[in-house]
Amino acid sequence: MAMEQIMVTETTGTIRGTDAYWRQRRMAFGLIESLKQAIRIRNHAPMYVGSADDPVENTGPWDTVCQFQDRARQNPLVLETLAAQKRLMLLTA
């Protein structure tokens, strides 16, 4: 007897159009907007703060961008959205 092979596809995501799907999509777009805002703030932030006699490196804005980029890389919906919009460069900006 020959055994039939059956292909099973498991979906890990939510079903399109459901409340859960739209909630996840809103969260993904919110994360993208937060990342864009953090990049804007970082791009305008001074490299050093404090006095000329005792400057302190201003790493906060750069750290914030890195944290948002890490969160974005871990979210498949964010990656899918950025790829579709051809904006994956936000993950390395």
PDB file of N, CA and C in Angstrom:
ATOM      1  N   MET A   1       0.829  -1.185   0.000  1.00  0.00           N
ATOM      2  CA  MET A   1       0.000   0.000   0.000  1.00  0.00           C
ATOM      3  C   MET A   1       0.871   1.245   0.000  1.00  0.00           C
ATOM      4  N   ALA A   2       0.530   2.166  -0.841  1.00  0.00           N
ATOM      5  CA  ALA A   2       1.254   3.426  -0.897  1.00  0.00           C
ATOM      6  C   ALA A   2       0.649   4.394   0.105  1.00  0.00           C
ATOM      7  N   MET A   3       1.521   5.103   0.796  1.00  0.00           N
ATOM      8  CA  MET A   3       1.045   6.095   1.771  1.00  0.00           C
ATOM      9  C   MET A   3       0.902   7.438   1.080  1.00  0.00           C
ATOM     10  N   GLU A   4      -0.181   8.072   1.329  1.00  0.00           N
ATOM     11  CA  GLU A   4      -0.405   9.396   0.775  1.00  0.00           C
ATOM     12  C   GLU A   4       0.264  10.428   1.659  1.00  0.00           C
ATOM     13  N   GLN A   5       0.861  11.380   1.041  1.00  0.00           N
ATOM     14  CA  GLN A   5       1.470  12.474   1.800  1.00  0.00           C
ATOM     15  C   GLN A   5       0.490  13.635   1.831  1.00  0.00           C
ATOM     16  N   ILE A   6       0.261  14.127   3.012  1.00  0.00           N
ATOM     17  CA  ILE A   6      -0.648  15.257   3.200  1.00  0.00           C
ATOM     18  C   ILE A   6       0.157  16.419   3.740  1.00  0.00           C
ATOM     19  N   MET A   7       0.035  17.531   3.070  1.00  0.00           N
ATOM     20  CA  MET A   7       0.744  18.710   3.532  1.00  0.00           C
ATOM     21  C   MET A   7      -0.154  19.483   4.482  1.00  0.00           C
ATOM     22  N   VAL A   8       0.363  19.753   5.671  1.00  0.00           N
ATOM     23  CA  VAL A   8      -0.383  20.497   6.673  1.00  0.00           C
ATOM     24  C   VAL A   8       0.283  21.844   6.848  1.00  0.00           C
ATOM     25  N   THR A   9      -0.483  22.876   6.745  1.00  0.00           N
ATOM     26  CA  THR A   9       0.033  24.223   6.940  1.00  0.00           C
ATOM     27  C   THR A   9      -0.555  24.782   8.221  1.00  0.00           C
ATOM     28  N   GLU A  10       0.315  25.157   9.122  1.00  0.00           N
ATOM     29  CA  GLU A  10      -0.148  25.755  10.366  1.00  0.00           C
ATOM     30  C   GLU A  10       0.081  27.255  10.295  1.00  0.00           C
ATOM     31  N   THR A  11      -0.918  27.991  10.681  1.00  0.00           N
ATOM     32  CA  THR A  11      -0.767  29.436  10.704  1.00  0.00           C
ATOM     33  C   THR A  11      -0.506  29.871  12.137  1.00  0.00           C
ATOM     34  N   THR A  12       0.490  30.700  12.285  1.00  0.00           N
ATOM     35  CA  THR A  12       0.809  31.199  13.613  1.00  0.00           C
ATOM     36  C   THR A  12       0.221  32.583  13.837  1.00  0.00           C
ATOM     37  N   GLY A  13      -0.146  33.239  12.755  1.00  0.00           N
ATOM     38  CA  GLY A  13      -0.705  34.581  12.865  1.00  0.00           C
ATOM     39  C   GLY A  13      -2.202  34.540  13.084  1.00  0.00           C
ATOM     40  N   THR A  14      -2.735  35.710  13.304  1.00  0.00           N
ATOM     41  CA  THR A  14      -4.175  35.814  13.495  1.00  0.00           C
ATOM     42  C   THR A  14      -4.873  35.881  12.139  1.00  0.00           C
ATOM     43  N   ILE A  15      -6.128  35.631  12.148  1.00  0.00           N
ATOM     44  CA  ILE A  15      -6.918  35.644  10.914  1.00  0.00           C
ATOM     45  C   ILE A  15      -7.188  37.083  10.509  1.00  0.00           C
ATOM     46  N   ARG A  16      -6.906  37.369   9.245  1.00  0.00           N
ATOM     47  CA  ARG A  16      -7.108  38.726   8.730  1.00  0.00           C
ATOM     48  C   ARG A  16      -8.545  39.177   8.921  1.00  0.00           C
ATOM     49  N   GLY A  17      -8.683  40.441   9.339  1.00  0.00           N
ATOM     50  CA  GLY A  17     -10.002  41.027   9.501  1.00  0.00           C
ATOM     51  C   GLY A  17     -10.583  40.895  10.897  1.00  0.00           C
ATOM     52  N   THR A  18      -9.969  40.067  11.729  1.00  0.00           N
ATOM     53  CA  THR A  18     -10.490  39.911  13.086  1.00  0.00           C
ATOM     54  C   THR A  18     -10.019  41.070  13.965  1.00  0.00           C
ATOM     55  N   ASP A  19     -10.664  41.213  15.112  1.00  0.00           N
ATOM     56  CA  ASP A  19     -10.263  42.266  16.053  1.00  0.00           C
ATOM     57  C   ASP A  19      -8.810  42.094  16.481  1.00  0.00           C
ATOM     58  N   ALA A  20      -8.397  40.868  16.708  1.00  0.00           N
ATOM     59  CA  ALA A  20      -7.013  40.608  17.120  1.00  0.00           C
ATOM     60  C   ALA A  20      -6.033  41.032  16.024  1.00  0.00           C
ATOM     61  N   TYR A  21      -6.378  40.761  14.787  1.00  0.00           N
ATOM     62  CA  TYR A  21      -5.526  41.146  13.661  1.00  0.00           C
ATOM     63  C   TYR A  21      -5.350  42.662  13.609  1.00  0.00           C
ATOM     64  N   TRP A  22      -6.462  43.386  13.706  1.00  0.00           N
ATOM     65  CA  TRP A  22      -6.379  44.845  13.629  1.00  0.00           C
ATOM     66  C   TRP A  22      -5.657  45.431  14.845  1.00  0.00           C
ATOM     67  N   ARG A  23      -5.822  44.818  15.995  1.00  0.00           N
ATOM     68  CA  ARG A  23      -5.112  45.262  17.201  1.00  0.00           C
ATOM     69  C   ARG A  23      -3.597  45.092  17.006  1.00  0.00           C
ATOM     70  N   GLN A  24      -3.190  43.932  16.466  1.00  0.00           N
ATOM     71  CA  GLN A  24      -1.764  43.703  16.211  1.00  0.00           C
ATOM     72  C   GLN A  24      -1.225  44.662  15.160  1.00  0.00           C
ATOM     73  N   ARG A  25      -2.020  44.937  14.144  1.00  0.00           N
ATOM     74  CA  ARG A  25      -1.594  45.860  13.083  1.00  0.00           C
ATOM     75  C   ARG A  25      -1.432  47.271  13.643  1.00  0.00           C
ATOM     76  N   ARG A  26      -2.370  47.717  14.496  1.00  0.00           N
ATOM     77  CA  ARG A  26      -2.251  49.044  15.114  1.00  0.00           C
ATOM     78  C   ARG A  26      -0.994  49.121  15.984  1.00  0.00           C
ATOM     79  N   MET A  27      -0.725  48.050  16.713  1.00  0.00           N
ATOM     80  CA  MET A  27       0.479  48.027  17.555  1.00  0.00           C
ATOM     81  C   MET A  27       1.742  48.087  16.696  1.00  0.00           C
ATOM     82  N   ALA A  28       1.748  47.389  15.566  1.00  0.00           N
ATOM     83  CA  ALA A  28       2.900  47.395  14.669  1.00  0.00           C
ATOM     84  C   ALA A  28       3.131  48.789  14.095  1.00  0.00           C
ATOM     85  N   PHE A  29       2.058  49.429  13.641  1.00  0.00           N
ATOM     86  CA  PHE A  29       2.200  50.778  13.091  1.00  0.00           C
ATOM     87  C   PHE A  29       2.609  51.764  14.175  1.00  0.00           C
ATOM     88  N   GLY A  30       2.124  51.567  15.397  1.00  0.00           N
ATOM     89  CA  GLY A  30       2.538  52.417  16.512  1.00  0.00           C
ATOM     90  C   GLY A  30       4.022  52.274  16.799  1.00  0.00           C
ATOM     91  N   LEU A  31       4.521  51.057  16.733  1.00  0.00           N
ATOM     92  CA  LEU A  31       5.948  50.827  16.948  1.00  0.00           C
ATOM     93  C   LEU A  31       6.774  51.473  15.844  1.00  0.00           C
ATOM     94  N   ILE A  32       6.298  51.380  14.615  1.00  0.00           N
ATOM     95  CA  ILE A  32       7.010  52.026  13.491  1.00  0.00           C
ATOM     96  C   ILE A  32       7.046  53.537  13.696  1.00  0.00           C
ATOM     97  N   GLU A  33       5.923  54.124  14.091  1.00  0.00           N
ATOM     98  CA  GLU A  33       5.884  55.571  14.322  1.00  0.00           C
ATOM     99  C   GLU A  33       6.801  55.974  15.479  1.00  0.00           C
ATOM    100  N   SER A  34       6.831  55.175  16.535  1.00  0.00           N
ATOM    101  CA  SER A  34       7.731  55.465  17.666  1.00  0.00           C
ATOM    102  C   SER A  34       9.187  55.393  17.229  1.00  0.00           C
ATOM    103  N   LEU A  35       9.509  54.427  16.392  1.00  0.00           N
ATOM    104  CA  LEU A  35      10.875  54.308  15.869  1.00  0.00           C
ATOM    105  C   LEU A  35      11.232  55.526  15.021  1.00  0.00           C
ATOM    106  N   LYS A  36      10.319  55.939  14.145  1.00  0.00           N
ATOM    107  CA  LYS A  36      10.582  57.117  13.308  1.00  0.00           C
ATOM    108  C   LYS A  36      10.796  58.362  14.165  1.00  0.00           C
ATOM    109  N   GLN A  37       9.977  58.529  15.200  1.00  0.00           N
ATOM    110  CA  GLN A  37      10.111  59.683  16.097  1.00  0.00           C
ATOM    111  C   GLN A  37      11.448  59.636  16.836  1.00  0.00           C
ATOM    112  N   ALA A  38      11.837  58.456  17.310  1.00  0.00           N
ATOM    113  CA  ALA A  38      13.114  58.321  18.012  1.00  0.00           C
ATOM    114  C   ALA A  38      14.286  58.657  17.093  1.00  0.00           C
ATOM    115  N   ILE A  39      14.185  58.272  15.829  1.00  0.00           N
ATOM    116  CA  ILE A  39      15.244  58.589  14.863  1.00  0.00           C
ATOM    117  C   ILE A  39      15.305  60.092  14.629  1.00  0.00           C
ATOM    118  N   ARG A  40      14.136  60.751  14.508  1.00  0.00           N
ATOM    119  CA  ARG A  40      14.118  62.216  14.331  1.00  0.00           C
ATOM    120  C   ARG A  40      14.760  62.916  15.532  1.00  0.00           C
ATOM    121  N   ILE A  41      14.405  62.474  16.727  1.00  0.00           N
ATOM    122  CA  ILE A  41      14.970  63.081  17.941  1.00  0.00           C
ATOM    123  C   ILE A  41      16.476  62.864  17.981  1.00  0.00           C
ATOM    124  N   ARG A  42      16.902  61.635  17.693  1.00  0.00           N
ATOM    125  CA  ARG A  42      18.334  61.333  17.697  1.00  0.00           C
ATOM    126  C   ARG A  42      19.098  62.181  16.683  1.00  0.00           C
ATOM    127  N   ASN A  43      18.516  62.369  15.510  1.00  0.00           N
ATOM    128  CA  ASN A  43      19.205  63.124  14.460  1.00  0.00           C
ATOM    129  C   ASN A  43      19.389  64.595  14.824  1.00  0.00           C
ATOM    130  N   HIS A  44      18.572  65.108  15.733  1.00  0.00           N
ATOM    131  CA  HIS A  44      18.685  66.501  16.150  1.00  0.00           C
ATOM    132  C   HIS A  44      19.329  66.665  17.519  1.00  0.00           C
ATOM    133  N   ALA A  45      19.673  65.569  18.144  1.00  0.00           N
ATOM    134  CA  ALA A  45      20.243  65.622  19.493  1.00  0.00           C
ATOM    135  C   ALA A  45      21.733  65.972  19.428  1.00  0.00           C
ATOM    136  N   PRO A  46      22.195  66.724  20.400  1.00  0.00           N
ATOM    137  CA  PRO A  46      23.626  67.028  20.440  1.00  0.00           C
ATOM    138  C   PRO A  46      24.427  65.784  20.826  1.00  0.00           C
ATOM    139  N   MET A  47      25.635  65.692  20.317  1.00  0.00           N
ATOM    140  CA  MET A  47      26.505  64.562  20.652  1.00  0.00           C
ATOM    141  C   MET A  47      26.972  64.636  22.106  1.00  0.00           C
ATOM    142  N   TYR A  48      27.152  65.857  22.580  1.00  0.00           N
ATOM    143  CA  TYR A  48      27.635  66.052  23.947  1.00  0.00           C
ATOM    144  C   TYR A  48      26.742  67.056  24.655  1.00  0.00           C
ATOM    145  N   VAL A  49      26.561  66.852  25.952  1.00  0.00           N
ATOM    146  CA  VAL A  49      25.813  67.785  26.784  1.00  0.00           C
ATOM    147  C   VAL A  49      26.696  68.170  27.954  1.00  0.00           C
ATOM    148  N   GLY A  50      26.297  69.180  28.658  1.00  0.00           N
ATOM    149  CA  GLY A  50      27.097  69.660  29.775  1.00  0.00           C
ATOM    150  C   GLY A  50      27.889  70.880  29.365  1.00  0.00           C
ATOM    151  N   SER A  51      28.840  71.218  30.179  1.00  0.00           N
ATOM    152  CA  SER A  51      29.652  72.409  29.899  1.00  0.00           C
ATOM    153  C   SER A  51      30.824  72.066  28.989  1.00  0.00           C
ATOM    154  N   ALA A  52      31.442  73.106  28.449  1.00  0.00           N
ATOM    155  CA  ALA A  52      32.604  72.905  27.582  1.00  0.00           C
ATOM    156  C   ALA A  52      33.774  72.330  28.377  1.00  0.00           C
ATOM    157  N   ASP A  53      33.811  72.637  29.654  1.00  0.00           N
ATOM    158  CA  ASP A  53      34.888  72.128  30.499  1.00  0.00           C
ATOM    159  C   ASP A  53      34.680  70.663  30.883  1.00  0.00           C
ATOM    160  N   ASP A  54      33.448  70.238  30.936  1.00  0.00           N
ATOM    161  CA  ASP A  54      33.141  68.871  31.357  1.00  0.00           C
ATOM    162  C   ASP A  54      32.019  68.284  30.494  1.00  0.00           C
ATOM    163  N   PRO A  55      32.316  68.024  29.198  1.00  0.00           N
ATOM    164  CA  PRO A  55      31.270  67.487  28.324  1.00  0.00           C
ATOM    165  C   PRO A  55      30.972  66.022  28.661  1.00  0.00           C
ATOM    166  N   VAL A  56      29.708  65.664  28.476  1.00  0.00           N
ATOM    167  CA  VAL A  56      29.259  64.292  28.703  1.00  0.00           C
ATOM    168  C   VAL A  56      28.642  63.786  27.404  1.00  0.00           C
ATOM    169  N   GLU A  57      29.061  62.587  26.989  1.00  0.00           N
ATOM    170  CA  GLU A  57      28.518  62.019  25.760  1.00  0.00           C
ATOM    171  C   GLU A  57      27.023  61.751  25.938  1.00  0.00           C
ATOM    172  N   ASN A  58      26.239  62.209  24.979  1.00  0.00           N
ATOM    173  CA  ASN A  58      24.786  62.096  25.020  1.00  0.00           C
ATOM    174  C   ASN A  58      24.352  60.824  24.290  1.00  0.00           C
ATOM    175  N   THR A  59      24.385  59.685  24.964  1.00  0.00           N
ATOM    176  CA  THR A  59      24.069  58.416  24.316  1.00  0.00           C
ATOM    177  C   THR A  59      22.587  58.045  24.390  1.00  0.00           C
ATOM    178  N   GLY A  60      21.811  58.757  25.187  1.00  0.00           N
ATOM    179  CA  GLY A  60      20.402  58.417  25.377  1.00  0.00           C
ATOM    180  C   GLY A  60      19.606  58.278  24.093  1.00  0.00           C
ATOM    181  N   PRO A  61      19.634  59.281  23.210  1.00  0.00           N
ATOM    182  CA  PRO A  61      18.851  59.162  21.967  1.00  0.00           C
ATOM    183  C   PRO A  61      19.288  57.976  21.097  1.00  0.00           C
ATOM    184  N   TRP A  62      20.570  57.673  21.063  1.00  0.00           N
ATOM    185  CA  TRP A  62      21.073  56.555  20.266  1.00  0.00           C
ATOM    186  C   TRP A  62      20.625  55.224  20.889  1.00  0.00           C
ATOM    187  N   ASP A  63      20.671  55.145  22.213  1.00  0.00           N
ATOM    188  CA  ASP A  63      20.208  53.940  22.907  1.00  0.00           C
ATOM    189  C   ASP A  63      18.720  53.713  22.673  1.00  0.00           C
ATOM    190  N   THR A  64      17.949  54.783  22.689  1.00  0.00           N
ATOM    191  CA  THR A  64      16.501  54.674  22.474  1.00  0.00           C
ATOM    192  C   THR A  64      16.199  54.125  21.086  1.00  0.00           C
ATOM    193  N   VAL A  65      16.890  54.631  20.072  1.00  0.00           N
ATOM    194  CA  VAL A  65      16.690  54.136  18.705  1.00  0.00           C
ATOM    195  C   VAL A  65      17.041  52.656  18.629  1.00  0.00           C
ATOM    196  N   CYS A  66      18.142  52.264  19.233  1.00  0.00           N
ATOM    197  CA  CYS A  66      18.542  50.850  19.218  1.00  0.00           C
ATOM    198  C   CYS A  66      17.492  49.963  19.881  1.00  0.00           C
ATOM    199  N   GLN A  67      16.906  50.432  20.966  1.00  0.00           N
ATOM    200  CA  GLN A  67      15.866  49.655  21.649  1.00  0.00           C
ATOM    201  C   GLN A  67      14.633  49.490  20.763  1.00  0.00           C
ATOM    202  N   PHE A  68      14.219  50.567  20.109  1.00  0.00           N
ATOM    203  CA  PHE A  68      13.066  50.468  19.204  1.00  0.00           C
ATOM    204  C   PHE A  68      13.380  49.573  18.008  1.00  0.00           C
ATOM    205  N   GLN A  69      14.600  49.658  17.473  1.00  0.00           N
ATOM    206  CA  GLN A  69      14.979  48.807  16.350  1.00  0.00           C
ATOM    207  C   GLN A  69      14.969  47.337  16.760  1.00  0.00           C
ATOM    208  N   ASP A  70      15.452  47.036  17.956  1.00  0.00           N
ATOM    209  CA  ASP A  70      15.427  45.655  18.444  1.00  0.00           C
ATOM    210  C   ASP A  70      14.002  45.145  18.565  1.00  0.00           C
ATOM    211  N   ARG A  71      13.115  45.971  19.126  1.00  0.00           N
ATOM    212  CA  ARG A  71      11.705  45.578  19.253  1.00  0.00           C
ATOM    213  C   ARG A  71      11.075  45.375  17.878  1.00  0.00           C
ATOM    214  N   ALA A  72      11.406  46.240  16.932  1.00  0.00           N
ATOM    215  CA  ALA A  72      10.839  46.139  15.584  1.00  0.00           C
ATOM    216  C   ALA A  72      11.311  44.864  14.893  1.00  0.00           C
ATOM    217  N   ARG A  73      12.584  44.510  15.057  1.00  0.00           N
ATOM    218  CA  ARG A  73      13.110  43.301  14.430  1.00  0.00           C
ATOM    219  C   ARG A  73      12.464  42.033  14.980  1.00  0.00           C
ATOM    220  N   GLN A  74      11.942  42.097  16.182  1.00  0.00           N
ATOM    221  CA  GLN A  74      11.322  40.932  16.806  1.00  0.00           C
ATOM    222  C   GLN A  74       9.835  40.813  16.477  1.00  0.00           C
ATOM    223  N   ASN A  75       9.286  41.778  15.772  1.00  0.00           N
ATOM    224  CA  ASN A  75       7.863  41.780  15.463  1.00  0.00           C
ATOM    225  C   ASN A  75       7.669  41.461  13.981  1.00  0.00           C
ATOM    226  N   PRO A  76       7.173  40.255  13.659  1.00  0.00           N
ATOM    227  CA  PRO A  76       7.010  39.874  12.254  1.00  0.00           C
ATOM    228  C   PRO A  76       6.116  40.821  11.459  1.00  0.00           C
ATOM    229  N   LEU A  77       5.099  41.360  12.082  1.00  0.00           N
ATOM    230  CA  LEU A  77       4.190  42.265  11.380  1.00  0.00           C
ATOM    231  C   LEU A  77       4.884  43.584  11.047  1.00  0.00           C
ATOM    232  N   VAL A  78       5.739  44.059  11.936  1.00  0.00           N
ATOM    233  CA  VAL A  78       6.520  45.267  11.651  1.00  0.00           C
ATOM    234  C   VAL A  78       7.461  44.998  10.477  1.00  0.00           C
ATOM    235  N   LEU A  79       8.142  43.855  10.500  1.00  0.00           N
ATOM    236  CA  LEU A  79       9.055  43.514   9.403  1.00  0.00           C
ATOM    237  C   LEU A  79       8.308  43.397   8.079  1.00  0.00           C
ATOM    238  N   GLU A  80       7.149  42.756   8.106  1.00  0.00           N
ATOM    239  CA  GLU A  80       6.335  42.619   6.893  1.00  0.00           C
ATOM    240  C   GLU A  80       5.911  43.986   6.365  1.00  0.00           C
ATOM    241  N   THR A  81       5.483  44.865   7.262  1.00  0.00           N
ATOM    242  CA  THR A  81       5.023  46.196   6.877  1.00  0.00           C
ATOM    243  C   THR A  81       6.169  47.025   6.306  1.00  0.00           C
ATOM    244  N   LEU A  82       7.306  47.032   6.991  1.00  0.00           N
ATOM    245  CA  LEU A  82       8.445  47.810   6.504  1.00  0.00           C
ATOM    246  C   LEU A  82       8.959  47.276   5.173  1.00  0.00           C
ATOM    247  N   ALA A  83       8.947  45.965   4.998  1.00  0.00           N
ATOM    248  CA  ALA A  83       9.382  45.383   3.722  1.00  0.00           C
ATOM    249  C   ALA A  83       8.428  45.781   2.605  1.00  0.00           C
ATOM    250  N   ALA A  84       7.129  45.733   2.871  1.00  0.00           N
ATOM    251  CA  ALA A  84       6.142  46.097   1.855  1.00  0.00           C
ATOM    252  C   ALA A  84       6.261  47.571   1.470  1.00  0.00           C
ATOM    253  N   GLN A  85       6.639  48.400   2.445  1.00  0.00           N
ATOM    254  CA  GLN A  85       6.776  49.830   2.194  1.00  0.00           C
ATOM    255  C   GLN A  85       8.186  50.216   1.744  1.00  0.00           C
ATOM    256  N   LYS A  86       9.043  49.210   1.601  1.00  0.00           N
ATOM    257  CA  LYS A  86      10.442  49.433   1.207  1.00  0.00           C
ATOM    258  C   LYS A  86      11.130  50.416   2.164  1.00  0.00           C
ATOM    259  N   ARG A  87      10.894  50.192   3.477  1.00  0.00           N
ATOM    260  CA  ARG A  87      11.483  51.073   4.499  1.00  0.00           C
ATOM    261  C   ARG A  87      12.262  50.270   5.537  1.00  0.00           C
ATOM    262  N   LEU A  88      12.828  49.143   5.142  1.00  0.00           N
ATOM    263  CA  LEU A  88      13.622  48.341   6.064  1.00  0.00           C
ATOM    264  C   LEU A  88      14.850  49.091   6.564  1.00  0.00           C
ATOM    265  N   MET A  89      15.217  50.179   5.870  1.00  0.00           N
ATOM    266  CA  MET A  89      16.384  50.963   6.293  1.00  0.00           C
ATOM    267  C   MET A  89      16.166  51.590   7.666  1.00  0.00           C
ATOM    268  N   LEU A  90      14.915  51.680   8.113  1.00  0.00           N
ATOM    269  CA  LEU A  90      14.655  52.196   9.458  1.00  0.00           C
ATOM    270  C   LEU A  90      15.266  51.300  10.527  1.00  0.00           C
ATOM    271  N   LEU A  91      15.479  50.042  10.196  1.00  0.00           N
ATOM    272  CA  LEU A  91      16.045  49.106  11.165  1.00  0.00           C
ATOM    273  C   LEU A  91      17.551  49.239  11.304  1.00  0.00           C
ATOM    274  N   THR A  92      18.170  50.003  10.408  1.00  0.00           N
ATOM    275  CA  THR A  92      19.613  50.196  10.482  1.00  0.00           C
ATOM    276  C   THR A  92      20.003  51.664  10.513  1.00  0.00           C
ATOM    277  N   ALA A  93      19.012  52.549  10.513  1.00  0.00           N
ATOM    278  CA  ALA A  93      19.283  53.996  10.471  1.00  0.00           C
ATOM    279  C   ALA A  93      19.912  54.466  11.764  1.00  0.00           C
TER     280      ALA A  93
END
